[in-house]
Amino acid sequence: MAIQNESTVSALAFPACLAATLPFASLAFLRWSIVVAGLVMLLAALVILFLLVASLLQLWRRSWKPSVVGLALSFFCTLWMLECCNIAASAALGRWTGPGPYVPPADNVIAAARLAPLPASAAKIQTHGWGGLFTGETYLRCELEPAEIERWLNACQQHSVAGEDPSLATSESNDRCWGVAPQRPAWFPAQESAHFRRFQIRANAEHHNWGEVIVDDELHVVYVNVIWS
């Protein structure tokens, strides 16, 4: 019985290795064809499904060791596939460059938010981003002349930006905190101010890439926050 269990565990090792390798291969194919990458990822999902069914079959036969090993492999292979799907989707949209915090190009942040291009006069541009298993954010800060800010906002409202948020901060709410996320860069405002105007960035057709534009009318600074969950 022990020999049979060892043989079954060894048999499960091949589909597990295949399920772990295919998502990684899909990321490589992403450079040439999104369709091929998607098909490879689909094949990985089918292999994981086979591994799961085989594990459940061993559980029904009360072969505990193969079933536990198979279910554990199915779980970790599924997590790996989801992570690769997240990376692939983000990379295809040009928003992901690596795990954890990173510094995205300013054009990528603007493109993800579907905003009008920044004026050439934009100064002291800073960006920040982070990515997780299912979500991520990008941030941007730049300085513009007041007239340039208004022209840029008008152009943005023809794209993805809704009108000014009615929850515009007042002097009575200066001390109200927004709830700072650990991934938020230190230069992004953490509290509301009477000098701020806030504009909502509408989600795209797939219900992703929403956020807000904040204008500091005192310092003439524009902030952008985009969530691509």
C-alpha atoms as a PDB file:
ATOM      1  CA  MET A   1       0.000   0.000   0.000  1.00  0.00           C
ATOM      2  CA  ALA A   2       2.848   2.335   0.901  1.00  0.00           C
ATOM      3  CA  ILE A   3       4.544   1.619  -2.425  1.00  0.00           C
ATOM      4  CA  GLN A   4       1.292   2.343  -4.259  1.00  0.00           C
ATOM      5  CA  ASN A   5       0.923   5.653  -2.391  1.00  0.00           C
ATOM      6  CA  GLU A   6       4.481   6.675  -3.283  1.00  0.00           C
ATOM      7  CA  SER A   7       3.811   5.784  -6.913  1.00  0.00           C
ATOM      8  CA  THR A   8       0.627   7.858  -6.938  1.00  0.00           C
ATOM      9  CA  VAL A   9       2.404  10.858  -5.394  1.00  0.00           C
ATOM     10  CA  SER A  10       5.096  10.601  -8.060  1.00  0.00           C
ATOM     11  CA  ALA A  11       2.408  10.454 -10.747  1.00  0.00           C
ATOM     12  CA  LEU A  12       0.888  13.682  -9.414  1.00  0.00           C
ATOM     13  CA  ALA A  13       4.252  15.420  -9.548  1.00  0.00           C
ATOM     14  CA  PHE A  14       4.249  15.685 -13.360  1.00  0.00           C
ATOM     15  CA  PRO A  15       0.948  17.573 -13.759  1.00  0.00           C
ATOM     16  CA  ALA A  16       1.953  19.743 -10.784  1.00  0.00           C
ATOM     17  CA  CYS A  17       5.231  20.696 -12.470  1.00  0.00           C
ATOM     18  CA  LEU A  18       3.362  21.312 -15.714  1.00  0.00           C
ATOM     19  CA  ALA A  19       0.783  23.498 -13.935  1.00  0.00           C
ATOM     20  CA  ALA A  20       3.579  25.524 -12.330  1.00  0.00           C
ATOM     21  CA  THR A  21       5.537  25.925 -15.567  1.00  0.00           C
ATOM     22  CA  LEU A  22       2.739  26.855 -17.979  1.00  0.00           C
ATOM     23  CA  PRO A  23       1.752  30.179 -16.328  1.00  0.00           C
ATOM     24  CA  PHE A  24       5.398  31.241 -16.397  1.00  0.00           C
ATOM     25  CA  ALA A  25       5.581  30.264 -20.065  1.00  0.00           C
ATOM     26  CA  SER A  26       2.434  32.294 -20.665  1.00  0.00           C
ATOM     27  CA  LEU A  27       4.215  35.427 -19.430  1.00  0.00           C
ATOM     28  CA  ALA A  28       6.999  34.775 -21.953  1.00  0.00           C
ATOM     29  CA  PHE A  29       4.488  34.336 -24.812  1.00  0.00           C
ATOM     30  CA  LEU A  30       2.849  37.618 -23.786  1.00  0.00           C
ATOM     31  CA  ARG A  31       5.637  39.491 -25.594  1.00  0.00           C
ATOM     32  CA  TRP A  32       4.583  37.987 -28.928  1.00  0.00           C
ATOM     33  CA  SER A  33       0.864  37.237 -28.704  1.00  0.00           C
ATOM     34  CA  ILE A  34      -1.776  37.866 -26.057  1.00  0.00           C
ATOM     35  CA  VAL A  35      -3.951  35.154 -27.656  1.00  0.00           C
ATOM     36  CA  VAL A  36      -1.234  32.487 -27.399  1.00  0.00           C
ATOM     37  CA  ALA A  37      -0.472  33.571 -23.831  1.00  0.00           C
ATOM     38  CA  GLY A  38      -4.155  33.224 -22.967  1.00  0.00           C
ATOM     39  CA  LEU A  39      -4.354  29.756 -24.495  1.00  0.00           C
ATOM     40  CA  VAL A  40      -1.303  28.629 -22.530  1.00  0.00           C
ATOM     41  CA  MET A  41      -2.878  29.989 -19.339  1.00  0.00           C
ATOM     42  CA  LEU A  42      -6.097  28.120 -20.178  1.00  0.00           C
ATOM     43  CA  LEU A  43      -4.082  24.925 -20.588  1.00  0.00           C
ATOM     44  CA  ALA A  44      -2.554  25.548 -17.152  1.00  0.00           C
ATOM     45  CA  ALA A  45      -6.048  25.877 -15.693  1.00  0.00           C
ATOM     46  CA  LEU A  46      -7.069  22.560 -17.268  1.00  0.00           C
ATOM     47  CA  VAL A  47      -3.987  20.824 -15.853  1.00  0.00           C
ATOM     48  CA  ILE A  48      -4.775  22.217 -12.392  1.00  0.00           C
ATOM     49  CA  LEU A  49      -8.362  20.971 -12.772  1.00  0.00           C
ATOM     50  CA  PHE A  50      -7.030  17.500 -13.678  1.00  0.00           C
ATOM     51  CA  LEU A  51      -4.735  17.596 -10.637  1.00  0.00           C
ATOM     52  CA  LEU A  52      -7.628  18.586  -8.397  1.00  0.00           C
ATOM     53  CA  VAL A  53      -9.925  15.838  -9.734  1.00  0.00           C
ATOM     54  CA  ALA A  54      -7.153  13.232  -9.353  1.00  0.00           C
ATOM     55  CA  SER A  55      -6.571  14.374  -5.769  1.00  0.00           C
ATOM     56  CA  LEU A  56     -10.253  14.188  -4.910  1.00  0.00           C
ATOM     57  CA  LEU A  57     -10.379  10.705  -6.431  1.00  0.00           C
ATOM     58  CA  GLN A  58      -7.542   9.616  -4.146  1.00  0.00           C
ATOM     59  CA  LEU A  59      -9.418  11.142  -1.219  1.00  0.00           C
ATOM     60  CA  TRP A  60     -12.520   9.111  -2.129  1.00  0.00           C
ATOM     61  CA  ARG A  61     -10.331   5.985  -2.201  1.00  0.00           C
ATOM     62  CA  ARG A  62      -8.997   6.963   1.238  1.00  0.00           C
ATOM     63  CA  SER A  63      -5.454   7.234  -0.044  1.00  0.00           C
ATOM     64  CA  TRP A  64      -4.648  10.028   2.376  1.00  0.00           C
ATOM     65  CA  LYS A  65      -1.073  10.871   1.477  1.00  0.00           C
ATOM     66  CA  PRO A  66      -1.616  11.248  -2.313  1.00  0.00           C
ATOM     67  CA  SER A  67      -4.830  13.187  -1.771  1.00  0.00           C
ATOM     68  CA  VAL A  68      -3.269  15.637   0.699  1.00  0.00           C
ATOM     69  CA  VAL A  69      -0.201  16.143  -1.499  1.00  0.00           C
ATOM     70  CA  GLY A  70      -2.377  16.583  -4.593  1.00  0.00           C
ATOM     71  CA  LEU A  71      -4.735  19.078  -2.945  1.00  0.00           C
ATOM     72  CA  ALA A  72      -1.812  21.088  -1.590  1.00  0.00           C
ATOM     73  CA  LEU A  73      -0.192  21.169  -5.026  1.00  0.00           C
ATOM     74  CA  SER A  74      -3.522  22.199  -6.596  1.00  0.00           C
ATOM     75  CA  PHE A  75      -3.857  25.053  -4.107  1.00  0.00           C
ATOM     76  CA  PHE A  76      -0.372  26.454  -4.635  1.00  0.00           C
ATOM     77  CA  CYS A  77      -0.520  26.011  -8.412  1.00  0.00           C
ATOM     78  CA  THR A  78      -3.826  27.905  -8.449  1.00  0.00           C
ATOM     79  CA  LEU A  79      -2.299  30.774  -6.454  1.00  0.00           C
ATOM     80  CA  TRP A  80       0.666  30.856  -8.833  1.00  0.00           C
ATOM     81  CA  MET A  81      -1.602  30.894 -11.871  1.00  0.00           C
ATOM     82  CA  LEU A  82      -3.661  33.757 -10.403  1.00  0.00           C
ATOM     83  CA  GLU A  83      -0.505  35.736  -9.713  1.00  0.00           C
ATOM     84  CA  CYS A  84       0.692  35.185 -13.283  1.00  0.00           C
ATOM     85  CA  CYS A  85      -2.742  36.206 -14.618  1.00  0.00           C
ATOM     86  CA  ASN A  86      -2.541  39.386 -12.567  1.00  0.00           C
ATOM     87  CA  ILE A  87       0.947  40.129 -13.860  1.00  0.00           C
ATOM     88  CA  ALA A  88      -0.044  39.325 -17.447  1.00  0.00           C
ATOM     89  CA  ALA A  89      -3.129  41.540 -17.377  1.00  0.00           C
ATOM     90  CA  SER A  90      -1.239  44.450 -15.869  1.00  0.00           C
ATOM     91  CA  ALA A  91       1.767  44.063 -18.145  1.00  0.00           C
ATOM     92  CA  ALA A  92      -0.483  43.945 -21.203  1.00  0.00           C
ATOM     93  CA  LEU A  93      -1.830  47.341 -20.183  1.00  0.00           C
ATOM     94  CA  GLY A  94       1.662  48.691 -19.543  1.00  0.00           C
ATOM     95  CA  ARG A  95       1.214  49.303 -15.840  1.00  0.00           C
ATOM     96  CA  TRP A  96       3.304  46.613 -14.122  1.00  0.00           C
ATOM     97  CA  THR A  97       7.083  46.352 -14.071  1.00  0.00           C
ATOM     98  CA  GLY A  98       7.765  44.093 -11.104  1.00  0.00           C
ATOM     99  CA  PRO A  99       6.467  42.910  -7.725  1.00  0.00           C
ATOM    100  CA  GLY A 100       5.960  45.360  -4.878  1.00  0.00           C
ATOM    101  CA  PRO A 101       6.651  49.117  -5.119  1.00  0.00           C
ATOM    102  CA  TYR A 102       8.001  50.525  -8.376  1.00  0.00           C
ATOM    103  CA  VAL A 103       8.338  53.825 -10.238  1.00  0.00           C
ATOM    104  CA  PRO A 104       6.056  53.821 -13.308  1.00  0.00           C
ATOM    105  CA  PRO A 105       6.563  56.246 -16.199  1.00  0.00           C
ATOM    106  CA  ALA A 106       4.332  59.291 -15.866  1.00  0.00           C
ATOM    107  CA  ASP A 107       2.798  58.585 -19.288  1.00  0.00           C
ATOM    108  CA  ASN A 108       1.697  55.137 -18.061  1.00  0.00           C
ATOM    109  CA  VAL A 109      -0.119  56.624 -15.068  1.00  0.00           C
ATOM    110  CA  ILE A 110      -1.875  59.162 -17.299  1.00  0.00           C
ATOM    111  CA  ALA A 111      -2.768  56.487 -19.866  1.00  0.00           C
ATOM    112  CA  ALA A 112      -4.150  54.128 -17.199  1.00  0.00           C
ATOM    113  CA  ALA A 113      -6.396  56.934 -15.918  1.00  0.00           C
ATOM    114  CA  ARG A 114      -7.336  57.908 -19.489  1.00  0.00           C
ATOM    115  CA  LEU A 115      -6.470  61.534 -18.758  1.00  0.00           C
ATOM    116  CA  ALA A 116      -5.332  64.204 -21.192  1.00  0.00           C
ATOM    117  CA  PRO A 117      -1.528  64.280 -21.671  1.00  0.00           C
ATOM    118  CA  LEU A 118       0.324  66.425 -19.170  1.00  0.00           C
ATOM    119  CA  PRO A 119       1.405  69.826 -20.509  1.00  0.00           C
ATOM    120  CA  ALA A 120       5.048  70.117 -21.519  1.00  0.00           C
ATOM    121  CA  SER A 121       5.493  72.665 -18.751  1.00  0.00           C
ATOM    122  CA  ALA A 122       4.766  70.120 -16.007  1.00  0.00           C
ATOM    123  CA  ALA A 123       7.593  70.302 -13.470  1.00  0.00           C
ATOM    124  CA  LYS A 124       8.882  68.196 -10.574  1.00  0.00           C
ATOM    125  CA  ILE A 125       7.022  65.089 -11.737  1.00  0.00           C
ATOM    126  CA  GLN A 126       6.996  62.207  -9.268  1.00  0.00           C
ATOM    127  CA  THR A 127       5.380  58.787  -9.636  1.00  0.00           C
ATOM    128  CA  HIS A 128       4.897  55.733  -7.464  1.00  0.00           C
ATOM    129  CA  GLY A 129       3.171  52.398  -7.900  1.00  0.00           C
ATOM    130  CA  TRP A 130       2.621  49.053  -6.247  1.00  0.00           C
ATOM    131  CA  GLY A 131       1.055  45.792  -7.342  1.00  0.00           C
ATOM    132  CA  GLY A 132      -0.405  42.850  -5.458  1.00  0.00           C
ATOM    133  CA  LEU A 133      -2.221  39.638  -6.288  1.00  0.00           C
ATOM    134  CA  PHE A 134      -5.528  41.248  -7.205  1.00  0.00           C
ATOM    135  CA  THR A 135      -5.027  44.987  -7.142  1.00  0.00           C
ATOM    136  CA  GLY A 136      -2.551  47.844  -7.291  1.00  0.00           C
ATOM    137  CA  GLU A 137      -2.277  51.615  -7.474  1.00  0.00           C
ATOM    138  CA  THR A 138      -0.267  54.265  -9.239  1.00  0.00           C
ATOM    139  CA  TYR A 139       0.310  57.819  -8.042  1.00  0.00           C
ATOM    140  CA  LEU A 140       1.538  60.959  -9.772  1.00  0.00           C
ATOM    141  CA  ARG A 141       2.468  64.446  -8.601  1.00  0.00           C
ATOM    142  CA  CYS A 142       3.461  67.428 -10.722  1.00  0.00           C
ATOM    143  CA  GLU A 143       3.541  71.211 -10.584  1.00  0.00           C
ATOM    144  CA  LEU A 144       1.792  73.399 -13.175  1.00  0.00           C
ATOM    145  CA  GLU A 145       0.920  77.040 -13.632  1.00  0.00           C
ATOM    146  CA  PRO A 146      -2.704  77.825 -12.608  1.00  0.00           C
ATOM    147  CA  ALA A 147      -3.802  78.534 -16.176  1.00  0.00           C
ATOM    148  CA  GLU A 148      -2.220  75.268 -17.367  1.00  0.00           C
ATOM    149  CA  ILE A 149      -4.049  73.368 -14.621  1.00  0.00           C
ATOM    150  CA  GLU A 150      -7.410  74.702 -15.765  1.00  0.00           C
ATOM    151  CA  ARG A 151      -6.733  73.909 -19.432  1.00  0.00           C
ATOM    152  CA  TRP A 152      -5.591  70.410 -18.515  1.00  0.00           C
ATOM    153  CA  LEU A 153      -8.655  69.808 -16.316  1.00  0.00           C
ATOM    154  CA  ASN A 154     -10.966  70.932 -19.105  1.00  0.00           C
ATOM    155  CA  ALA A 155      -9.265  68.513 -21.483  1.00  0.00           C
ATOM    156  CA  CYS A 156      -9.494  65.703 -18.925  1.00  0.00           C
ATOM    157  CA  GLN A 157     -13.226  66.174 -18.511  1.00  0.00           C
ATOM    158  CA  GLN A 158     -13.582  65.161 -22.160  1.00  0.00           C
ATOM    159  CA  HIS A 159     -11.955  61.838 -21.240  1.00  0.00           C
ATOM    160  CA  SER A 160     -12.453  60.017 -17.937  1.00  0.00           C
ATOM    161  CA  VAL A 161     -12.751  62.787 -15.343  1.00  0.00           C
ATOM    162  CA  ALA A 162     -16.150  63.608 -13.915  1.00  0.00           C
ATOM    163  CA  GLY A 163     -17.038  67.030 -12.533  1.00  0.00           C
ATOM    164  CA  GLU A 164     -15.636  68.367  -9.324  1.00  0.00           C
ATOM    165  CA  ASP A 165     -16.401  66.129  -6.353  1.00  0.00           C
ATOM    166  CA  PRO A 166     -19.110  67.675  -4.170  1.00  0.00           C
ATOM    167  CA  SER A 167     -17.202  66.525  -1.067  1.00  0.00           C
ATOM    168  CA  LEU A 168     -14.646  69.280  -1.629  1.00  0.00           C
ATOM    169  CA  ALA A 169     -12.901  69.865   1.679  1.00  0.00           C
ATOM    170  CA  THR A 170     -13.780  72.919   3.744  1.00  0.00           C
ATOM    171  CA  SER A 171     -11.833  74.692   6.437  1.00  0.00           C
ATOM    172  CA  GLU A 172     -13.904  72.832   9.060  1.00  0.00           C
ATOM    173  CA  SER A 173     -12.659  69.436   7.782  1.00  0.00           C
ATOM    174  CA  ASN A 174      -8.947  70.105   7.583  1.00  0.00           C
ATOM    175  CA  ASP A 175      -8.201  67.581  10.281  1.00  0.00           C
ATOM    176  CA  ARG A 176     -10.200  64.750   8.704  1.00  0.00           C
ATOM    177  CA  CYS A 177      -7.851  61.988   7.585  1.00  0.00           C
ATOM    178  CA  TRP A 178      -8.454  60.023   4.371  1.00  0.00           C
ATOM    179  CA  GLY A 179      -7.173  56.765   5.849  1.00  0.00           C
ATOM    180  CA  VAL A 180      -3.605  56.446   4.630  1.00  0.00           C
ATOM    181  CA  ALA A 181      -2.649  53.182   2.951  1.00  0.00           C
ATOM    182  CA  PRO A 182       0.847  51.841   3.730  1.00  0.00           C
ATOM    183  CA  GLN A 183       1.707  51.893   0.007  1.00  0.00           C
ATOM    184  CA  ARG A 184       0.841  55.582  -0.416  1.00  0.00           C
ATOM    185  CA  PRO A 185       3.978  57.665  -1.077  1.00  0.00           C
ATOM    186  CA  ALA A 186       4.936  60.262   1.511  1.00  0.00           C
ATOM    187  CA  TRP A 187       4.460  63.111  -0.984  1.00  0.00           C
ATOM    188  CA  PHE A 188       0.803  62.246  -1.662  1.00  0.00           C
ATOM    189  CA  PRO A 189      -1.558  64.265   0.592  1.00  0.00           C
ATOM    190  CA  ALA A 190      -2.905  62.314   3.542  1.00  0.00           C
ATOM    191  CA  GLN A 191      -5.391  64.904   4.764  1.00  0.00           C
ATOM    192  CA  GLU A 192      -8.014  67.100   3.207  1.00  0.00           C
ATOM    193  CA  SER A 193      -7.459  70.812   2.840  1.00  0.00           C
ATOM    194  CA  ALA A 194      -9.554  73.854   2.061  1.00  0.00           C
ATOM    195  CA  HIS A 195      -7.159  74.496  -0.852  1.00  0.00           C
ATOM    196  CA  PHE A 196      -7.930  71.167  -2.529  1.00  0.00           C
ATOM    197  CA  ARG A 197     -10.292  70.429  -5.385  1.00  0.00           C
ATOM    198  CA  ARG A 198     -11.059  66.778  -6.002  1.00  0.00           C
ATOM    199  CA  PHE A 199     -12.242  65.189  -9.256  1.00  0.00           C
ATOM    200  CA  GLN A 200     -13.379  61.626  -9.716  1.00  0.00           C
ATOM    201  CA  ILE A 201     -11.765  59.388 -12.338  1.00  0.00           C
ATOM    202  CA  ARG A 202     -14.500  57.130 -13.686  1.00  0.00           C
ATOM    203  CA  ALA A 203     -13.853  53.407 -14.087  1.00  0.00           C
ATOM    204  CA  ASN A 204     -13.311  52.087 -17.595  1.00  0.00           C
ATOM    205  CA  ALA A 205     -15.660  49.730 -19.457  1.00  0.00           C
ATOM    206  CA  GLU A 206     -14.206  46.732 -17.577  1.00  0.00           C
ATOM    207  CA  HIS A 207     -14.823  48.509 -14.238  1.00  0.00           C
ATOM    208  CA  HIS A 208     -11.110  49.027 -13.606  1.00  0.00           C
ATOM    209  CA  ASN A 209      -8.839  52.063 -13.384  1.00  0.00           C
ATOM    210  CA  TRP A 210     -10.806  54.450 -11.242  1.00  0.00           C
ATOM    211  CA  GLY A 211      -9.425  57.018  -8.830  1.00  0.00           C
ATOM    212  CA  GLU A 212      -9.186  60.746  -8.345  1.00  0.00           C
ATOM    213  CA  VAL A 213      -7.415  63.915  -9.386  1.00  0.00           C
ATOM    214  CA  ILE A 214      -6.570  66.384  -6.618  1.00  0.00           C
ATOM    215  CA  VAL A 215      -5.636  69.975  -7.354  1.00  0.00           C
ATOM    216  CA  ASP A 216      -3.862  72.025  -4.696  1.00  0.00           C
ATOM    217  CA  ASP A 217      -4.780  75.584  -5.608  1.00  0.00           C
ATOM    218  CA  GLU A 218      -2.390  77.047  -3.055  1.00  0.00           C
ATOM    219  CA  LEU A 219       0.788  75.294  -4.197  1.00  0.00           C
ATOM    220  CA  HIS A 220      -0.393  74.735  -7.819  1.00  0.00           C
ATOM    221  CA  VAL A 221       0.216  71.004  -7.598  1.00  0.00           C
ATOM    222  CA  VAL A 222      -1.734  68.216  -9.307  1.00  0.00           C
ATOM    223  CA  TYR A 223      -2.034  64.752  -7.765  1.00  0.00           C
ATOM    224  CA  VAL A 224      -3.385  61.652  -9.535  1.00  0.00           C
ATOM    225  CA  ASN A 225      -4.282  58.335  -7.925  1.00  0.00           C
ATOM    226  CA  VAL A 226      -5.369  55.365 -10.094  1.00  0.00           C
ATOM    227  CA  ILE A 227      -6.563  51.987  -8.782  1.00  0.00           C
ATOM    228  CA  TRP A 228      -6.471  49.168 -11.319  1.00  0.00           C
ATOM    229  CA  SER A 229      -8.109  46.393  -9.275  1.00  0.00           C
END
